[in-house]
Protein backbone atom coordinates (compact mmCIF):
# COMPACT_ATOMS: atom_id res chain seq x y z
CA MET A 1 -0.17 -0.09 -0.29
CA ASP A 2 2.94 2.29 0.77
CA LEU A 3 4.26 2.28 -2.75
CA ILE A 4 0.64 2.61 -4.33
CA ASN A 5 0.21 6.07 -2.01
CA ASP A 6 3.86 6.89 -3.29
CA PHE A 7 3.03 6.59 -6.89
CA ILE A 8 0.03 8.40 -6.53
CA ALA A 9 1.33 11.54 -4.33
CA LYS A 10 4.17 12.00 -6.69
CA MET A 11 1.68 12.15 -9.62
CA LEU A 12 -0.46 14.56 -7.82
CA PRO A 13 1.74 17.75 -8.70
CA TYR A 14 1.30 17.54 -12.06
CA THR A 15 -3.00 17.14 -12.53
CA GLU A 16 -3.74 19.78 -9.39
CA TRP A 17 -2.85 22.79 -11.52
CA PRO A 18 -4.51 22.03 -14.90
CA MET A 19 -7.58 21.44 -12.48
CA PHE A 20 -7.17 24.29 -10.51
CA ILE A 21 -7.15 26.38 -13.92
CA LEU A 22 -9.99 24.56 -15.37
CA LEU A 23 -12.17 24.94 -12.46
CA ILE A 24 -11.44 28.38 -11.19
CA LEU A 25 -10.85 30.21 -14.40
CA GLY A 26 -13.28 28.04 -16.42
CA GLY A 27 -16.05 28.34 -13.96
CA LEU A 28 -15.01 32.23 -13.78
CA PHE A 29 -15.48 32.64 -17.30
CA LEU A 30 -18.64 30.63 -17.13
CA VAL A 31 -19.97 33.11 -14.13
CA PHE A 32 -19.53 36.26 -16.59
CA TYR A 33 -20.46 34.82 -19.75
CA SER A 34 -24.23 33.91 -18.15
CA LYS A 35 -24.06 37.19 -16.87
CA LEU A 36 -25.13 35.91 -13.21
CA LEU A 37 -28.38 34.46 -14.55
CA PRO A 38 -28.29 31.16 -12.73
CA TYR A 39 -27.73 33.09 -9.22
CA ARG A 40 -30.28 35.37 -9.96
CA TYR A 41 -33.02 33.07 -10.71
CA PHE A 42 -32.32 30.91 -7.17
CA GLY A 43 -36.29 31.38 -5.81
CA HIS A 44 -37.14 29.78 -9.61
CA ALA A 45 -35.20 26.95 -8.93
CA ILE A 46 -36.19 26.16 -5.74
CA ALA A 47 -39.44 26.48 -6.85
CA ILE A 48 -38.78 23.74 -10.04
CA THR A 49 -37.31 21.24 -7.37
CA MET A 50 -40.56 21.49 -5.50
CA GLY A 51 -42.40 20.02 -8.33
CA LYS A 52 -43.95 23.38 -9.36
CA HIS A 53 -43.13 23.05 -13.10
CA ASP A 54 -43.16 19.71 -13.69
CA LYS A 55 -44.84 17.92 -16.96
CA LYS A 56 -46.22 14.58 -16.67
CA ASP A 57 -45.65 13.31 -20.07
CA ALA A 58 -42.11 14.72 -19.86
CA LYS A 59 -39.35 11.62 -20.71
CA GLY A 60 -37.06 11.08 -17.35
CA ASP A 61 -36.93 8.20 -15.05
CA VAL A 62 -36.52 10.44 -11.13
CA SER A 63 -38.38 13.62 -10.49
CA SER A 64 -36.12 16.48 -10.63
CA PHE A 65 -36.12 16.42 -6.53
CA GLN A 66 -35.66 13.30 -6.54
CA ALA A 67 -31.92 13.87 -9.01
CA LEU A 68 -31.36 16.53 -6.69
CA SER A 69 -31.53 14.31 -3.10
CA ALA A 70 -29.75 11.63 -4.97
CA ALA A 71 -26.92 13.78 -6.20
CA VAL A 72 -26.68 15.83 -2.78
CA ALA A 73 -26.84 12.29 -1.13
CA ALA A 74 -23.57 11.60 -2.80
CA THR A 75 -21.78 15.48 -1.88
CA VAL A 76 -23.58 15.81 1.41
CA GLY A 77 -21.98 13.33 3.59
CA LEU A 78 -18.89 12.63 5.28
CA GLY A 79 -16.94 15.21 2.54
CA ASN A 80 -18.40 17.95 4.64
CA ILE A 81 -17.86 16.55 8.07
CA SER A 82 -14.99 14.96 7.48
CA GLY A 83 -13.42 16.80 4.30
CA VAL A 84 -13.73 20.07 5.98
CA ALA A 85 -11.89 19.13 8.90
CA ILE A 86 -9.12 17.68 6.44
CA ALA A 87 -9.28 20.90 4.54
CA ILE A 88 -8.64 23.09 8.33
CA HIS A 89 -6.02 20.57 9.73
CA ASP A 90 -4.21 20.81 6.06
CA GLY A 91 -4.20 24.61 5.69
CA GLY A 92 -5.72 25.94 8.39
CA PRO A 93 -9.33 28.16 9.47
CA GLY A 94 -8.30 30.33 6.36
CA VAL A 95 -8.51 27.41 3.95
CA VAL A 96 -13.05 27.58 5.04
CA PHE A 97 -12.82 30.71 2.54
CA TRP A 98 -11.48 29.56 -0.65
CA ILE A 99 -13.67 26.50 -0.20
CA TRP A 100 -16.74 28.86 -0.31
CA MET A 101 -15.22 30.94 -2.82
CA THR A 102 -14.89 27.55 -5.20
CA ALA A 103 -18.65 26.55 -4.01
CA LEU A 104 -19.86 29.77 -5.44
CA ILE A 105 -17.88 28.88 -8.79
CA GLY A 106 -19.42 25.61 -8.73
CA MET A 107 -23.26 26.47 -8.88
CA CYS A 108 -22.57 28.13 -12.31
CA ILE A 109 -20.33 24.96 -13.15
CA LYS A 110 -23.26 22.86 -11.92
CA PHE A 111 -25.94 24.93 -13.83
CA TYR A 112 -23.81 24.41 -17.19
CA SER A 113 -23.42 20.94 -17.16
CA CYS A 114 -26.21 19.50 -15.83
CA SER A 115 -28.38 21.48 -18.36
CA LEU A 116 -26.11 19.82 -21.23
CA SER A 117 -26.82 16.35 -19.99
CA ILE A 118 -30.25 16.80 -20.24
CA MET A 119 -29.62 18.94 -23.79
CA PHE A 120 -27.46 16.01 -24.91
CA ARG A 121 -29.07 12.57 -23.60
CA GLY A 122 -27.94 9.29 -25.18
CA THR A 123 -28.79 5.77 -24.54
CA ASP A 124 -27.28 2.40 -23.68
CA ALA A 125 -27.24 -0.37 -25.20
CA ASP A 126 -30.67 -1.82 -23.50
CA GLY A 127 -32.20 1.20 -24.64
CA ASN A 128 -32.24 3.05 -21.72
CA LEU A 129 -32.62 7.26 -21.25
CA GLN A 130 -28.84 8.00 -20.24
CA GLY A 131 -27.01 11.72 -19.50
CA GLY A 132 -23.69 12.81 -18.44
CA PRO A 133 -20.15 13.61 -19.68
CA MET A 134 -19.61 10.76 -21.29
CA TYR A 135 -22.77 11.53 -23.23
CA TYR A 136 -22.55 15.58 -24.07
CA ILE A 137 -18.70 14.81 -24.78
CA THR A 138 -19.67 12.54 -27.82
CA LYS A 139 -23.19 14.16 -28.82
CA GLY A 140 -22.10 17.64 -28.14
CA LEU A 141 -18.75 17.60 -29.37
CA GLY A 142 -19.02 14.49 -31.91
CA GLU A 143 -17.24 11.37 -32.32
CA LYS A 144 -13.63 13.09 -32.17
CA ALA A 145 -14.04 14.13 -28.95
CA ARG A 146 -15.04 10.31 -28.11
CA PRO A 147 -11.08 9.65 -26.29
CA LEU A 148 -12.47 12.65 -23.65
CA ALA A 149 -15.34 10.34 -23.08
CA ILE A 150 -13.36 7.44 -22.60
CA PHE A 151 -10.63 9.11 -20.21
CA PHE A 152 -13.16 10.08 -18.07
CA ALA A 153 -14.82 7.08 -17.52
CA ILE A 154 -11.88 5.29 -16.81
CA CYS A 155 -10.87 7.47 -13.91
CA GLY A 156 -14.38 6.96 -13.10
CA LEU A 157 -13.88 3.76 -12.11
CA PHE A 158 -11.28 4.75 -9.37
CA GLY A 159 -12.84 7.55 -8.51
CA PHE A 160 -16.77 6.87 -7.98
CA LEU A 161 -15.37 3.97 -5.73
CA GLY A 162 -16.66 5.20 -2.21
CA VAL A 163 -13.21 4.28 -0.71
CA PHE A 164 -13.39 7.42 1.48
CA THR A 165 -16.61 7.13 2.71
CA ALA A 166 -16.28 3.90 4.39
CA ASN A 167 -12.84 4.76 4.75
CA GLN A 168 -14.19 7.52 7.67
CA PHE A 169 -17.19 6.44 8.30
CA THR A 170 -15.27 3.32 9.78
CA GLU A 171 -12.38 5.41 11.78
CA THR A 172 -16.15 6.99 13.08
CA PHE A 173 -16.90 3.82 14.56
CA MET A 174 -13.34 2.83 16.24
CA SER A 175 -13.12 6.61 17.86
CA VAL A 176 -16.69 6.55 19.24
CA ILE A 177 -17.27 2.51 20.15
CA GLU A 178 -13.81 2.12 20.95
CA PRO A 179 -14.29 -2.08 20.02
CA SER A 180 -11.15 -2.98 21.50
CA GLN A 181 -12.51 -1.91 25.01
CA THR A 182 -15.71 -4.04 24.77
CA ILE A 183 -16.22 -7.28 25.72
CA TYR A 184 -15.81 -8.63 21.88
CA ALA A 185 -11.96 -8.40 22.10
CA MET A 186 -10.69 -8.30 18.63
CA SER A 187 -7.93 -6.33 17.46
CA ASP A 188 -8.60 -3.13 15.47
CA VAL A 189 -7.31 -4.49 12.24
CA ASN A 190 -9.92 -7.48 12.47
CA TRP A 191 -12.84 -4.54 13.61
CA LYS A 192 -11.89 -2.54 11.18
CA TRP A 193 -12.11 -5.84 8.30
CA THR A 194 -15.11 -6.94 10.02
CA ILE A 195 -16.79 -3.20 9.68
CA GLY A 196 -16.00 -3.03 6.26
CA PHE A 197 -17.84 -6.45 5.53
CA VAL A 198 -20.98 -4.89 7.19
CA LEU A 199 -21.23 -1.85 6.07
CA ALA A 200 -20.28 -3.63 2.11
CA GLY A 201 -23.46 -6.06 3.05
CA VAL A 202 -25.75 -3.03 3.42
CA THR A 203 -24.98 -0.87 0.57
CA SER A 204 -25.33 -4.85 -1.59
CA ILE A 205 -28.60 -4.39 -0.39
CA VAL A 206 -30.03 -1.28 -2.02
CA ILE A 207 -27.30 -0.93 -5.13
CA PHE A 208 -28.02 -4.30 -7.07
CA GLY A 209 -31.73 -2.40 -7.16
CA GLY A 210 -30.84 0.21 -9.65
CA LEU A 211 -31.17 3.85 -10.04
CA THR A 212 -35.09 3.76 -8.91
CA LYS A 213 -34.43 1.89 -5.61
CA ILE A 214 -31.03 3.94 -5.42
CA ALA A 215 -33.21 7.38 -5.69
CA LYS A 216 -36.00 6.52 -3.62
CA VAL A 217 -33.54 5.44 -0.87
CA ALA A 218 -31.77 9.29 -1.02
CA SER A 219 -35.06 11.39 -1.51
CA ALA A 220 -36.30 9.48 1.74
CA ILE A 221 -32.67 9.51 3.78
CA VAL A 222 -31.34 13.32 2.78
CA PRO A 223 -33.82 15.98 3.66
CA PHE A 224 -34.11 13.94 7.22
CA MET A 225 -30.47 13.73 7.91
CA VAL A 226 -29.55 17.33 6.70
CA ALA A 227 -31.73 18.46 8.99
CA VAL A 228 -31.02 16.41 12.43
CA TYR A 229 -27.76 17.48 11.47
CA LEU A 230 -28.28 21.02 10.96
CA ILE A 231 -30.11 21.03 13.97
CA ALA A 232 -27.51 19.96 16.05
CA VAL A 233 -24.81 22.13 14.52
CA VAL A 234 -27.66 25.16 15.24
CA VAL A 235 -27.63 23.96 18.97
CA VAL A 236 -23.98 23.62 19.13
CA MET A 237 -23.93 27.81 17.94
CA ALA A 238 -26.78 28.65 19.93
CA LEU A 239 -24.81 27.39 23.40
CA ASN A 240 -21.90 29.08 22.39
CA ALA A 241 -23.49 32.16 20.16
CA SER A 242 -20.42 34.56 21.45
CA GLU A 243 -18.02 32.70 20.20
CA ILE A 244 -19.45 32.66 16.40
CA MET A 245 -18.02 35.80 14.73
CA PRO A 246 -14.73 35.73 15.89
CA ALA A 247 -14.77 32.00 13.99
CA LEU A 248 -15.80 33.57 11.11
CA LYS A 249 -13.18 36.41 11.09
CA MET A 250 -10.93 34.27 11.93
CA ILE A 251 -11.49 32.70 8.90
CA ILE A 252 -11.71 34.82 6.45
CA THR A 253 -8.67 37.07 8.40
CA GLU A 254 -6.72 33.70 7.86
CA ALA A 255 -7.82 33.41 4.01
CA TRP A 256 -5.68 36.66 3.89
CA ASN A 257 -2.58 36.17 6.01
CA PHE A 258 0.59 37.88 4.68
CA ASN A 259 2.57 35.38 6.18
CA THR A 260 1.41 32.63 4.32
CA ILE A 261 1.79 34.41 1.40
CA VAL A 262 5.25 35.50 2.09
CA THR A 263 6.38 31.79 3.08
CA GLY A 264 5.15 31.41 -0.72
CA GLY A 265 1.97 29.15 0.78
CA PHE A 266 -0.82 30.95 -0.15
CA TRP A 267 -1.49 29.42 -3.15
CA GLY A 268 -1.24 26.20 -1.55
CA LEU A 269 -4.04 27.40 0.37
CA VAL A 270 -6.13 28.15 -2.21
CA ILE A 271 -5.45 24.81 -3.79
CA ILE A 272 -6.70 22.85 -0.83
CA GLY A 273 -9.55 25.14 -0.65
CA VAL A 274 -10.80 24.21 -4.29
CA ARG A 275 -9.42 20.48 -3.64
CA ARG A 276 -12.04 20.01 -0.51
CA ALA A 277 -14.90 22.41 -2.26
CA MET A 278 -14.78 19.79 -5.20
CA PHE A 279 -14.74 16.62 -2.93
CA SER A 280 -17.85 18.31 -1.09
CA ASN A 281 -19.90 19.35 -4.55
CA GLU A 282 -17.88 17.72 -6.87
CA ALA A 283 -18.44 20.78 -9.20
CA GLY A 284 -17.09 20.23 -12.45
CA LEU A 285 -16.56 16.55 -11.65
CA GLY A 286 -19.32 15.55 -13.69
CA SER A 287 -20.79 13.04 -11.13
CA ALA A 288 -24.14 15.17 -10.72
CA PRO A 289 -24.96 15.45 -14.09
CA MET A 290 -25.47 11.37 -14.30
CA TYR A 291 -28.20 11.68 -12.39
CA HIS A 292 -29.94 15.07 -13.47
CA GLY A 293 -29.56 13.78 -16.97
CA GLN A 294 -32.28 10.95 -15.73
CA SER A 295 -34.56 13.88 -14.16
CA LYS A 296 -38.06 14.17 -15.60
CA THR A 297 -38.09 17.09 -17.34
CA ASP A 298 -38.48 18.73 -21.13
CA ASN A 299 -36.41 21.50 -20.74
CA PRO A 300 -32.34 21.43 -19.77
CA ILE A 301 -32.19 24.63 -18.41
CA LYS A 302 -34.98 23.79 -16.01
CA GLU A 303 -32.65 20.71 -14.49
CA GLY A 304 -29.41 23.09 -14.13
CA LEU A 305 -31.04 25.34 -12.34
CA VAL A 306 -31.94 22.32 -9.73
CA ALA A 307 -28.86 21.15 -9.87
CA MET A 308 -27.26 24.59 -9.20
CA LEU A 309 -28.63 24.61 -5.46
CA GLY A 310 -26.41 21.45 -4.99
CA PRO A 311 -23.67 23.24 -4.07
CA PHE A 312 -25.23 25.70 -1.83
CA ILE A 313 -27.27 23.03 0.12
CA ASP A 314 -24.07 21.04 0.65
CA THR A 315 -20.78 23.58 0.99
CA ILE A 316 -22.39 27.26 1.58
CA MET A 317 -24.86 25.93 4.09
CA VAL A 318 -23.23 22.60 5.39
CA CYS A 319 -19.83 23.10 5.40
CA THR A 320 -19.69 26.43 6.61
CA PHE A 321 -21.75 24.99 9.94
CA THR A 322 -18.99 22.30 10.23
CA ALA A 323 -16.30 24.61 10.21
CA VAL A 324 -18.11 27.10 12.41
CA VAL A 325 -18.36 24.46 15.35
CA ILE A 326 -14.62 22.91 14.57
CA ILE A 327 -13.32 26.23 15.05
CA LEU A 328 -15.59 27.69 17.71
CA SER A 329 -14.58 24.14 19.97
CA GLY A 330 -11.20 24.44 19.42
CA ALA A 331 -10.57 21.17 17.93
CA TYR A 332 -8.80 22.54 14.68
CA LEU A 333 -5.73 23.11 17.85
CA GLU A 334 -5.13 19.53 18.75
CA ASP A 335 -3.33 17.08 16.12
CA GLN A 336 -5.80 15.36 14.30
CA SER A 337 -7.47 15.44 11.20
CA GLY A 338 -10.46 14.00 9.34
CA ILE A 339 -13.57 12.57 11.07
CA VAL A 340 -11.65 12.36 14.71
CA MET A 341 -11.19 16.36 14.60
CA THR A 342 -15.07 16.62 13.53
CA LEU A 343 -16.06 13.94 16.39
CA SER A 344 -13.74 15.84 18.67
CA ALA A 345 -15.40 18.98 18.56
CA PHE A 346 -18.77 17.80 18.77
CA GLU A 347 -18.35 15.74 21.67
CA LYS A 348 -16.70 19.05 23.39
CA THR A 349 -19.10 21.37 22.55
CA LEU A 350 -22.85 18.84 22.75
CA TYR A 351 -21.94 18.28 26.97
CA GLY A 352 -19.82 14.54 25.79
CA PHE A 353 -22.83 12.98 23.90
CA GLY A 354 -22.30 15.08 20.47
CA ASP A 355 -19.91 12.25 19.29
CA ASP A 356 -22.73 9.93 19.86
CA LEU A 357 -24.80 11.61 17.92
CA LEU A 358 -22.60 12.39 14.97
CA MET A 359 -22.58 8.72 14.84
CA LEU A 360 -25.84 8.21 14.09
CA ILE A 361 -25.85 11.03 11.38
CA VAL A 362 -22.40 9.85 9.67
CA THR A 363 -23.91 6.50 9.31
CA ALA A 364 -27.02 7.67 7.27
CA PHE A 365 -24.54 10.00 5.76
CA ALA A 366 -22.17 7.43 4.64
CA LEU A 367 -25.05 4.72 3.30
CA SER A 368 -26.55 6.99 1.23
CA THR A 369 -23.07 8.50 -0.25
CA LEU A 370 -22.34 4.81 -1.10
CA PHE A 371 -25.65 4.04 -2.43
CA THR A 372 -25.07 6.86 -4.89
CA TYR A 373 -21.17 6.39 -6.07
CA SER A 374 -22.18 3.05 -7.27
CA TYR A 375 -24.82 4.37 -9.67
CA TYR A 376 -21.78 6.53 -11.17
CA GLY A 377 -19.45 3.93 -11.42
CA VAL A 378 -22.15 1.64 -13.38
CA LYS A 379 -22.33 4.05 -15.48
CA CYS A 380 -19.00 4.31 -16.41
CA LEU A 381 -18.44 1.15 -16.69
CA SER A 382 -21.75 0.89 -19.07
CA PHE A 383 -19.69 3.50 -21.66
CA LEU A 384 -16.66 1.58 -21.81
CA THR A 385 -18.66 -1.70 -22.43
CA ASN A 386 -22.35 -1.96 -22.28
CA ALA A 387 -25.23 -1.75 -20.22
CA LYS A 388 -25.00 -5.46 -18.82
CA ILE A 389 -21.59 -5.74 -18.14
CA GLY A 390 -21.86 -2.57 -16.43
CA LYS A 391 -23.65 -4.26 -13.73
CA PHE A 392 -20.80 -5.74 -12.86
CA TYR A 393 -19.13 -2.63 -11.00
CA ASN A 394 -21.39 -2.96 -8.28
CA TRP A 395 -19.57 -6.09 -6.97
CA TYR A 396 -16.01 -4.35 -7.73
CA PHE A 397 -17.23 -1.51 -5.62
CA VAL A 398 -18.71 -3.73 -2.75
CA VAL A 399 -14.82 -5.36 -2.63
CA MET A 400 -13.52 -1.78 -2.64
CA ILE A 401 -15.61 -0.98 0.70
CA VAL A 402 -13.67 -4.10 2.21
CA PHE A 403 -10.49 -2.96 1.37
CA ALA A 404 -10.96 0.60 2.26
CA ALA A 405 -12.22 0.37 5.69
CA VAL A 406 -8.73 -0.90 6.57
CA ALA A 407 -6.90 1.38 4.14
CA SER A 408 -4.59 4.42 5.47
CA LEU A 409 -6.56 8.18 5.14
CA ASP A 410 -3.46 8.99 2.87
CA LEU A 411 -4.24 6.72 0.77
CA VAL A 412 -7.74 7.20 -0.15
CA LYS A 413 -7.27 10.90 0.47
CA ASN A 414 -4.52 10.82 -2.23
CA LEU A 415 -6.46 8.23 -4.90
CA ILE A 416 -10.05 10.90 -4.59
CA ASP A 417 -7.73 13.77 -5.42
CA LEU A 418 -5.84 12.26 -8.34
CA SER A 419 -9.07 10.29 -10.20
CA TYR A 420 -10.79 13.69 -9.57
CA ALA A 421 -8.51 15.90 -11.01
CA LEU A 422 -8.05 13.71 -14.31
CA MET A 423 -12.07 13.60 -14.59
CA VAL A 424 -11.96 17.69 -14.10
CA ILE A 425 -10.11 17.65 -17.23
CA PRO A 426 -12.29 16.04 -19.75
CA ASN A 427 -15.88 17.41 -18.46
CA MET A 428 -14.38 21.08 -17.92
CA ILE A 429 -12.95 20.89 -21.10
CA ALA A 430 -16.56 20.24 -22.94
CA VAL A 431 -18.55 22.30 -20.72
CA LEU A 432 -16.52 25.19 -21.85
CA LEU A 433 -16.96 24.13 -25.52
CA LEU A 434 -20.57 23.33 -25.25
CA ALA A 435 -21.43 26.49 -23.29
CA PRO A 436 -22.86 28.79 -25.91
CA LYS A 437 -25.45 26.28 -26.64
CA VAL A 438 -26.45 26.90 -23.13
CA ASN A 439 -26.52 30.49 -23.31
CA LYS A 440 -28.85 30.08 -26.23
CA ALA A 441 -31.16 27.56 -24.39
CA ALA A 442 -31.21 29.54 -21.67
CA ASN A 443 -31.99 32.94 -23.43
CA GLU A 444 -34.73 31.43 -25.04
CA TYR A 445 -35.93 29.99 -21.52
CA PHE A 446 -36.22 32.79 -19.82
CA LYS A 447 -38.24 35.06 -22.49
CA LYS A 448 -40.51 32.53 -22.54
CA LEU A 449 -40.73 32.44 -18.42
CA LYS A 450 -40.74 36.46 -18.88
CA ASN A 451 -44.18 35.94 -20.54
CA GLY A 452 -45.94 33.20 -18.78
CA GLY A 453 -45.03 30.31 -20.88
CA ALA A 454 -42.35 27.99 -19.07
């Protein structure tokens, strides 16, 4: 494992700059190219999500709300609880500011990419309707761009394994339950293997049921688990109200720490923020378009607006609340990273039982994320082969859950960072090249909306 981790770590510097340029500069281009239209119709996006503009005869497999729930299930999870802690550990409180900035840009990226997922839908070998980067690359840019789609799908076979989720869930269980102290005497390694097999078994029950079952489970779990988590965070913030503003002030001031800039670490701080924001909301990654491409909708712009809400929910809201709790609790000053830091923060601020509550929340987060990630991988393998072979990805996915439970955090984090960075490259190239088509469709849609015809 050490050899694999060393190889991946050496590859990361060669991928992070292309990723950074395409995600941030490309994203900023889309923000100005759109003339801020997605942001200006935020309220309308909420109305679409609530089903006020649904049409019964629209093609697709799931509702826009189910698609958003499934996409958010993959993002509102351990990336928001553990990923933020890792970011603060690696870059300090100021990194949260750059997570915010990336999320705001990410809202526009998701608007464009998920609009394209409806605009250029295709069908698989079984004739089922499909959407996502592989399809808007090949149908939007033409067959000459197929190598980009193939490259994306190959990277997705690794990026969508859900290994980070399995790893951090295991760490949560080990930290809270402390099984080695119980009557069930086993070594920590054996406990991790056991947790991995149980997690794999539970995940199997849902993911072998296909998209419809995943979407139903996700739309049932996500609103509830987000509500419980936000209530817990609000209670912590209410009990420590005087510390909220200092925590937010620290985030902003540390983001522009000139001592850091002088020592050459400023851009490293920004890149950490970009990495963790991308892991949190997956904007630019190309995963969300796979779900939104299945939505029952007759208009690509409507789906793009719904998808735009994802980064706002999982990063602007959930990540911020997590960061504030970590900072005001003082947990960020301790030499710990990942989920252990967040557990410490909740334990300190909720009278010693906060870590137990977080354990329950993390369980729901972990399962919903694993359910949705498996579907992304199936779509990648199906594109590379066919729909029948694609279903075998679930077996590979389940086996890797067990592996992730016993793997080191560094290996898992580096694998995800490398896979994500590589996936951003073909996806963002396609989104930028196809942006004019989205603008044309958006102008027509908003014109019709003003006339009451949307």
